[in-house]
Amino acid sequence: MILVLLGLLVAVAGSGIAMTFDSLWGNHLVEEFHETAANALLVFAGVHVGAVLLMSLLDRENLIRAMITGKKRL
């Protein structure tokens, strides 16, 4: 999931920067790609948060604290 989120973040940032170039200014294909990548990033981030909360409930373990501190109970 981290690789997907990082890849989408790079896609959003890269297409956003590309839209500032004179040769791509107003290019609808680049704008559509940027919008689709941004929406996909939001969806995958929501899925990730939902999965963390669900697994925290199912495993009865505070995964959020484990992500912040790096320590997980055995």
PDB file of N, CA and C in Angstrom:
ATOM      1  N   MET A   1       0.826  -1.186   0.000  1.00  0.00           N
ATOM      2  CA  MET A   1       0.000   0.000   0.000  1.00  0.00           C
ATOM      3  C   MET A   1       0.874   1.254   0.000  1.00  0.00           C
ATOM      4  N   ILE A   2       1.967   1.183   0.737  1.00  0.00           N
ATOM      5  CA  ILE A   2       2.855   2.347   0.774  1.00  0.00           C
ATOM      6  C   ILE A   2       3.405   2.645  -0.610  1.00  0.00           C
ATOM      7  N   LEU A   3       3.786   1.610  -1.343  1.00  0.00           N
ATOM      8  CA  LEU A   3       4.306   1.827  -2.695  1.00  0.00           C
ATOM      9  C   LEU A   3       3.242   2.406  -3.618  1.00  0.00           C
ATOM     10  N   VAL A   4       2.001   1.958  -3.471  1.00  0.00           N
ATOM     11  CA  VAL A   4       0.901   2.498  -4.285  1.00  0.00           C
ATOM     12  C   VAL A   4       0.684   3.968  -3.953  1.00  0.00           C
ATOM     13  N   LEU A   5       0.641   4.289  -2.663  1.00  0.00           N
ATOM     14  CA  LEU A   5       0.429   5.679  -2.249  1.00  0.00           C
ATOM     15  C   LEU A   5       1.581   6.580  -2.701  1.00  0.00           C
ATOM     16  N   LEU A   6       2.810   6.099  -2.556  1.00  0.00           N
ATOM     17  CA  LEU A   6       3.951   6.907  -3.002  1.00  0.00           C
ATOM     18  C   LEU A   6       3.948   7.075  -4.519  1.00  0.00           C
ATOM     19  N   GLY A   7       3.602   6.015  -5.243  1.00  0.00           N
ATOM     20  CA  GLY A   7       3.524   6.111  -6.695  1.00  0.00           C
ATOM     21  C   GLY A   7       2.470   7.097  -7.154  1.00  0.00           C
ATOM     22  N   LEU A   8       1.311   7.062  -6.508  1.00  0.00           N
ATOM     23  CA  LEU A   8       0.248   8.011  -6.851  1.00  0.00           C
ATOM     24  C   LEU A   8       0.646   9.439  -6.486  1.00  0.00           C
ATOM     25  N   LEU A   9       1.342   9.599  -5.378  1.00  0.00           N
ATOM     26  CA  LEU A   9       1.808  10.929  -4.989  1.00  0.00           C
ATOM     27  C   LEU A   9       2.793  11.486  -6.011  1.00  0.00           C
ATOM     28  N   VAL A  10       3.683  10.647  -6.490  1.00  0.00           N
ATOM     29  CA  VAL A  10       4.630  11.073  -7.531  1.00  0.00           C
ATOM     30  C   VAL A  10       3.883  11.414  -8.812  1.00  0.00           C
ATOM     31  N   ALA A  11       2.857  10.613  -9.151  1.00  0.00           N
ATOM     32  CA  ALA A  11       2.074  10.873 -10.363  1.00  0.00           C
ATOM     33  C   ALA A  11       1.333  12.203 -10.268  1.00  0.00           C
ATOM     34  N   VAL A  12       0.747  12.484  -9.110  1.00  0.00           N
ATOM     35  CA  VAL A  12       0.021  13.749  -8.926  1.00  0.00           C
ATOM     36  C   VAL A  12       0.985  14.929  -8.995  1.00  0.00           C
ATOM     37  N   ALA A  13       2.096  14.810  -8.286  1.00  0.00           N
ATOM     38  CA  ALA A  13       3.066  15.910  -8.284  1.00  0.00           C
ATOM     39  C   ALA A  13       3.686  16.098  -9.669  1.00  0.00           C
ATOM     40  N   GLY A  14       4.039  15.005 -10.306  1.00  0.00           N
ATOM     41  CA  GLY A  14       4.661  15.095 -11.623  1.00  0.00           C
ATOM     42  C   GLY A  14       3.729  15.678 -12.671  1.00  0.00           C
ATOM     43  N   SER A  15       2.479  15.244 -12.668  1.00  0.00           N
ATOM     44  CA  SER A  15       1.536  15.786 -13.647  1.00  0.00           C
ATOM     45  C   SER A  15       1.179  17.236 -13.316  1.00  0.00           C
ATOM     46  N   GLY A  16       1.181  17.578 -12.045  1.00  0.00           N
ATOM     47  CA  GLY A  16       0.939  18.975 -11.663  1.00  0.00           C
ATOM     48  C   GLY A  16       2.055  19.884 -12.130  1.00  0.00           C
ATOM     49  N   ILE A  17       3.280  19.422 -11.971  1.00  0.00           N
ATOM     50  CA  ILE A  17       4.428  20.201 -12.457  1.00  0.00           C
ATOM     51  C   ILE A  17       4.407  20.273 -13.977  1.00  0.00           C
ATOM     52  N   ALA A  18       4.057  19.152 -14.616  1.00  0.00           N
ATOM     53  CA  ALA A  18       4.031  19.124 -16.084  1.00  0.00           C
ATOM     54  C   ALA A  18       3.015  20.115 -16.647  1.00  0.00           C
ATOM     55  N   MET A  19       1.931  20.335 -15.927  1.00  0.00           N
ATOM     56  CA  MET A  19       0.907  21.269 -16.407  1.00  0.00           C
ATOM     57  C   MET A  19       1.396  22.717 -16.403  1.00  0.00           C
ATOM     58  N   THR A  20       2.483  22.989 -15.708  1.00  0.00           N
ATOM     59  CA  THR A  20       3.003  24.364 -15.696  1.00  0.00           C
ATOM     60  C   THR A  20       3.900  24.653 -16.897  1.00  0.00           C
ATOM     61  N   PHE A  21       4.305  23.612 -17.621  1.00  0.00           N
ATOM     62  CA  PHE A  21       5.144  23.804 -18.812  1.00  0.00           C
ATOM     63  C   PHE A  21       4.317  24.430 -19.922  1.00  0.00           C
ATOM     64  N   ASP A  22       4.923  25.308 -20.668  1.00  0.00           N
ATOM     65  CA  ASP A  22       4.220  25.970 -21.769  1.00  0.00           C
ATOM     66  C   ASP A  22       3.690  24.972 -22.791  1.00  0.00           C
ATOM     67  N   SER A  23       4.452  23.913 -23.072  1.00  0.00           N
ATOM     68  CA  SER A  23       4.038  22.952 -24.094  1.00  0.00           C
ATOM     69  C   SER A  23       2.839  22.120 -23.656  1.00  0.00           C
ATOM     70  N   LEU A  24       2.606  21.972 -22.344  1.00  0.00           N
ATOM     71  CA  LEU A  24       1.490  21.166 -21.848  1.00  0.00           C
ATOM     72  C   LEU A  24       0.383  22.008 -21.219  1.00  0.00           C
ATOM     73  N   TRP A  25       0.530  23.321 -21.234  1.00  0.00           N
ATOM     74  CA  TRP A  25      -0.480  24.194 -20.636  1.00  0.00           C
ATOM     75  C   TRP A  25      -1.804  24.022 -21.364  1.00  0.00           C
ATOM     76  N   GLY A  26      -2.847  23.675 -20.645  1.00  0.00           N
ATOM     77  CA  GLY A  26      -4.164  23.518 -21.231  1.00  0.00           C
ATOM     78  C   GLY A  26      -4.387  22.178 -21.915  1.00  0.00           C
ATOM     79  N   ASN A  27      -3.435  21.258 -21.789  1.00  0.00           N
ATOM     80  CA  ASN A  27      -3.581  19.932 -22.385  1.00  0.00           C
ATOM     81  C   ASN A  27      -4.569  19.127 -21.545  1.00  0.00           C
ATOM     82  N   HIS A  28      -5.682  18.763 -22.139  1.00  0.00           N
ATOM     83  CA  HIS A  28      -6.748  18.090 -21.383  1.00  0.00           C
ATOM     84  C   HIS A  28      -6.347  16.687 -20.955  1.00  0.00           C
ATOM     85  N   LEU A  29      -5.488  16.033 -21.721  1.00  0.00           N
ATOM     86  CA  LEU A  29      -5.048  14.693 -21.352  1.00  0.00           C
ATOM     87  C   LEU A  29      -4.239  14.726 -20.056  1.00  0.00           C
ATOM     88  N   VAL A  30      -3.355  15.693 -19.927  1.00  0.00           N
ATOM     89  CA  VAL A  30      -2.546  15.829 -18.710  1.00  0.00           C
ATOM     90  C   VAL A  30      -3.441  16.225 -17.534  1.00  0.00           C
ATOM     91  N   GLU A  31      -4.387  17.113 -17.771  1.00  0.00           N
ATOM     92  CA  GLU A  31      -5.311  17.523 -16.712  1.00  0.00           C
ATOM     93  C   GLU A  31      -6.161  16.355 -16.232  1.00  0.00           C
ATOM     94  N   GLU A  32      -6.640  15.528 -17.159  1.00  0.00           N
ATOM     95  CA  GLU A  32      -7.443  14.363 -16.781  1.00  0.00           C
ATOM     96  C   GLU A  32      -6.612  13.357 -16.001  1.00  0.00           C
ATOM     97  N   PHE A  33      -5.370  13.136 -16.432  1.00  0.00           N
ATOM     98  CA  PHE A  33      -4.490  12.226 -15.706  1.00  0.00           C
ATOM     99  C   PHE A  33      -4.237  12.734 -14.290  1.00  0.00           C
ATOM    100  N   HIS A  34      -3.985  14.036 -14.156  1.00  0.00           N
ATOM    101  CA  HIS A  34      -3.739  14.641 -12.853  1.00  0.00           C
ATOM    102  C   HIS A  34      -4.956  14.472 -11.936  1.00  0.00           C
ATOM    103  N   GLU A  35      -6.129  14.746 -12.470  1.00  0.00           N
ATOM    104  CA  GLU A  35      -7.353  14.630 -11.673  1.00  0.00           C
ATOM    105  C   GLU A  35      -7.631  13.178 -11.283  1.00  0.00           C
ATOM    106  N   THR A  36      -7.429  12.269 -12.206  1.00  0.00           N
ATOM    107  CA  THR A  36      -7.661  10.848 -11.912  1.00  0.00           C
ATOM    108  C   THR A  36      -6.675  10.339 -10.867  1.00  0.00           C
ATOM    109  N   ALA A  37      -5.409  10.714 -11.003  1.00  0.00           N
ATOM    110  CA  ALA A  37      -4.402  10.292 -10.031  1.00  0.00           C
ATOM    111  C   ALA A  37      -4.693  10.876  -8.648  1.00  0.00           C
ATOM    112  N   ALA A  38      -5.142  12.123  -8.598  1.00  0.00           N
ATOM    113  CA  ALA A  38      -5.462  12.749  -7.307  1.00  0.00           C
ATOM    114  C   ALA A  38      -6.650  12.054  -6.654  1.00  0.00           C
ATOM    115  N   ASN A  39      -7.665  11.740  -7.445  1.00  0.00           N
ATOM    116  CA  ASN A  39      -8.828  11.036  -6.891  1.00  0.00           C
ATOM    117  C   ASN A  39      -8.454   9.632  -6.436  1.00  0.00           C
ATOM    118  N   ALA A  40      -7.613   8.949  -7.202  1.00  0.00           N
ATOM    119  CA  ALA A  40      -7.165   7.611  -6.809  1.00  0.00           C
ATOM    120  C   ALA A  40      -6.359   7.673  -5.517  1.00  0.00           C
ATOM    121  N   LEU A  41      -5.541   8.706  -5.366  1.00  0.00           N
ATOM    122  CA  LEU A  41      -4.761   8.882  -4.141  1.00  0.00           C
ATOM    123  C   LEU A  41      -5.685   9.032  -2.933  1.00  0.00           C
ATOM    124  N   LEU A  42      -6.733   9.816  -3.085  1.00  0.00           N
ATOM    125  CA  LEU A  42      -7.696   9.990  -1.990  1.00  0.00           C
ATOM    126  C   LEU A  42      -8.409   8.681  -1.651  1.00  0.00           C
ATOM    127  N   VAL A  43      -8.793   7.931  -2.670  1.00  0.00           N
ATOM    128  CA  VAL A  43      -9.495   6.662  -2.445  1.00  0.00           C
ATOM    129  C   VAL A  43      -8.578   5.667  -1.740  1.00  0.00           C
ATOM    130  N   PHE A  44      -7.350   5.520  -2.236  1.00  0.00           N
ATOM    131  CA  PHE A  44      -6.430   4.567  -1.625  1.00  0.00           C
ATOM    132  C   PHE A  44      -6.030   4.985  -0.211  1.00  0.00           C
ATOM    133  N   ALA A  45      -5.902   6.270   0.048  1.00  0.00           N
ATOM    134  CA  ALA A  45      -5.615   6.722   1.409  1.00  0.00           C
ATOM    135  C   ALA A  45      -6.774   6.377   2.338  1.00  0.00           C
ATOM    136  N   GLY A  46      -7.992   6.560   1.869  1.00  0.00           N
ATOM    137  CA  GLY A  46      -9.167   6.193   2.664  1.00  0.00           C
ATOM    138  C   GLY A  46      -9.244   4.701   2.913  1.00  0.00           C
ATOM    139  N   VAL A  47      -8.938   3.907   1.904  1.00  0.00           N
ATOM    140  CA  VAL A  47      -8.922   2.443   2.067  1.00  0.00           C
ATOM    141  C   VAL A  47      -7.859   2.046   3.083  1.00  0.00           C
ATOM    142  N   HIS A  48      -6.708   2.676   3.025  1.00  0.00           N
ATOM    143  CA  HIS A  48      -5.625   2.375   3.957  1.00  0.00           C
ATOM    144  C   HIS A  48      -6.038   2.688   5.397  1.00  0.00           C
ATOM    145  N   VAL A  49      -6.600   3.850   5.608  1.00  0.00           N
ATOM    146  CA  VAL A  49      -7.043   4.229   6.958  1.00  0.00           C
ATOM    147  C   VAL A  49      -8.132   3.275   7.442  1.00  0.00           C
ATOM    148  N   GLY A  50      -9.078   2.953   6.570  1.00  0.00           N
ATOM    149  CA  GLY A  50     -10.136   2.018   6.943  1.00  0.00           C
ATOM    150  C   GLY A  50      -9.591   0.643   7.291  1.00  0.00           C
ATOM    151  N   ALA A  51      -8.615   0.168   6.525  1.00  0.00           N
ATOM    152  CA  ALA A  51      -8.026  -1.144   6.798  1.00  0.00           C
ATOM    153  C   ALA A  51      -7.264  -1.144   8.115  1.00  0.00           C
ATOM    154  N   VAL A  52      -6.569  -0.069   8.417  1.00  0.00           N
ATOM    155  CA  VAL A  52      -5.848   0.022   9.691  1.00  0.00           C
ATOM    156  C   VAL A  52      -6.836  -0.006  10.853  1.00  0.00           C
ATOM    157  N   LEU A  53      -7.910   0.749  10.740  1.00  0.00           N
ATOM    158  CA  LEU A  53      -8.908   0.749  11.819  1.00  0.00           C
ATOM    159  C   LEU A  53      -9.573  -0.620  11.973  1.00  0.00           C
ATOM    160  N   LEU A  54      -9.912  -1.251  10.853  1.00  0.00           N
ATOM    161  CA  LEU A  54     -10.545  -2.566  10.901  1.00  0.00           C
ATOM    162  C   LEU A  54      -9.613  -3.602  11.516  1.00  0.00           C
ATOM    163  N   MET A  55      -8.367  -3.613  11.098  1.00  0.00           N
ATOM    164  CA  MET A  55      -7.424  -4.586  11.638  1.00  0.00           C
ATOM    165  C   MET A  55      -7.108  -4.308  13.109  1.00  0.00           C
ATOM    166  N   SER A  56      -7.139  -3.037  13.500  1.00  0.00           N
ATOM    167  CA  SER A  56      -6.941  -2.719  14.916  1.00  0.00           C
ATOM    168  C   SER A  56      -8.068  -3.310  15.755  1.00  0.00           C
ATOM    169  N   LEU A  57      -9.277  -3.236  15.228  1.00  0.00           N
ATOM    170  CA  LEU A  57     -10.417  -3.805  15.957  1.00  0.00           C
ATOM    171  C   LEU A  57     -10.387  -5.332  15.952  1.00  0.00           C
ATOM    172  N   LEU A  58     -10.084  -5.918  14.821  1.00  0.00           N
ATOM    173  CA  LEU A  58     -10.088  -7.380  14.720  1.00  0.00           C
ATOM    174  C   LEU A  58      -8.962  -8.007  15.531  1.00  0.00           C
ATOM    175  N   ASP A  59      -7.779  -7.409  15.514  1.00  0.00           N
ATOM    176  CA  ASP A  59      -6.628  -7.953  16.245  1.00  0.00           C
ATOM    177  C   ASP A  59      -6.562  -7.461  17.684  1.00  0.00           C
ATOM    178  N   ARG A  60      -7.410  -6.518  18.024  1.00  0.00           N
ATOM    179  CA  ARG A  60      -7.412  -5.907  19.357  1.00  0.00           C
ATOM    180  C   ARG A  60      -6.028  -5.382  19.732  1.00  0.00           C
ATOM    181  N   GLU A  61      -5.459  -4.668  18.772  1.00  0.00           N
ATOM    182  CA  GLU A  61      -4.138  -4.076  18.976  1.00  0.00           C
ATOM    183  C   GLU A  61      -4.152  -2.674  18.391  1.00  0.00           C
ATOM    184  N   ASN A  62      -3.478  -1.754  19.060  1.00  0.00           N
ATOM    185  CA  ASN A  62      -3.432  -0.372  18.611  1.00  0.00           C
ATOM    186  C   ASN A  62      -2.360  -0.227  17.528  1.00  0.00           C
ATOM    187  N   LEU A  63      -2.751  -0.425  16.262  1.00  0.00           N
ATOM    188  CA  LEU A  63      -1.794  -0.357  15.164  1.00  0.00           C
ATOM    189  C   LEU A  63      -1.315   1.065  14.910  1.00  0.00           C
ATOM    190  N   ILE A  64      -2.132   2.048  15.220  1.00  0.00           N
ATOM    191  CA  ILE A  64      -1.722   3.432  15.020  1.00  0.00           C
ATOM    192  C   ILE A  64      -0.548   3.764  15.935  1.00  0.00           C
ATOM    193  N   ARG A  65      -0.632   3.355  17.195  1.00  0.00           N
ATOM    194  CA  ARG A  65       0.483   3.574  18.121  1.00  0.00           C
ATOM    195  C   ARG A  65       1.712   2.813  17.656  1.00  0.00           C
ATOM    196  N   ALA A  66       1.526   1.600  17.138  1.00  0.00           N
ATOM    197  CA  ALA A  66       2.655   0.814  16.656  1.00  0.00           C
ATOM    198  C   ALA A  66       3.327   1.490  15.461  1.00  0.00           C
ATOM    199  N   MET A  67       2.550   2.137  14.609  1.00  0.00           N
ATOM    200  CA  MET A  67       3.132   2.849  13.460  1.00  0.00           C
ATOM    201  C   MET A  67       3.926   4.078  13.905  1.00  0.00           C
ATOM    202  N   ILE A  68       3.448   4.729  14.947  1.00  0.00           N
ATOM    203  CA  ILE A  68       4.123   5.948  15.419  1.00  0.00           C
ATOM    204  C   ILE A  68       5.372   5.610  16.218  1.00  0.00           C
ATOM    205  N   THR A  69       5.261   4.661  17.139  1.00  0.00           N
ATOM    206  CA  THR A  69       6.394   4.342  18.005  1.00  0.00           C
ATOM    207  C   THR A  69       7.339   3.313  17.420  1.00  0.00           C
ATOM    208  N   GLY A  70       6.855   2.481  16.497  1.00  0.00           N
ATOM    209  CA  GLY A  70       7.675   1.419  15.927  1.00  0.00           C
ATOM    210  C   GLY A  70       7.723   0.185  16.804  1.00  0.00           C
ATOM    211  N   LYS A  71       6.944   0.178  17.872  1.00  0.00           N
ATOM    212  CA  LYS A  71       6.924  -0.961  18.794  1.00  0.00           C
ATOM    213  C   LYS A  71       5.551  -1.599  18.771  1.00  0.00           C
ATOM    214  N   LYS A  72       5.563  -2.923  18.654  1.00  0.00           N
ATOM    215  CA  LYS A  72       4.314  -3.658  18.601  1.00  0.00           C
ATOM    216  C   LYS A  72       4.369  -4.759  19.671  1.00  0.00           C
ATOM    217  N   ARG A  73       3.250  -4.998  20.271  1.00  0.00           N
ATOM    218  CA  ARG A  73       3.218  -6.012  21.317  1.00  0.00           C
ATOM    219  C   ARG A  73       3.334  -7.392  20.679  1.00  0.00           C
ATOM    220  N   LEU A  74       3.995  -8.299  21.382  1.00  0.00           N
ATOM    221  CA  LEU A  74       4.225  -9.647  20.853  1.00  0.00           C
ATOM    222  C   LEU A  74       3.083 -10.560  21.053  1.00  0.00           C
TER     223      LEU A  74
END
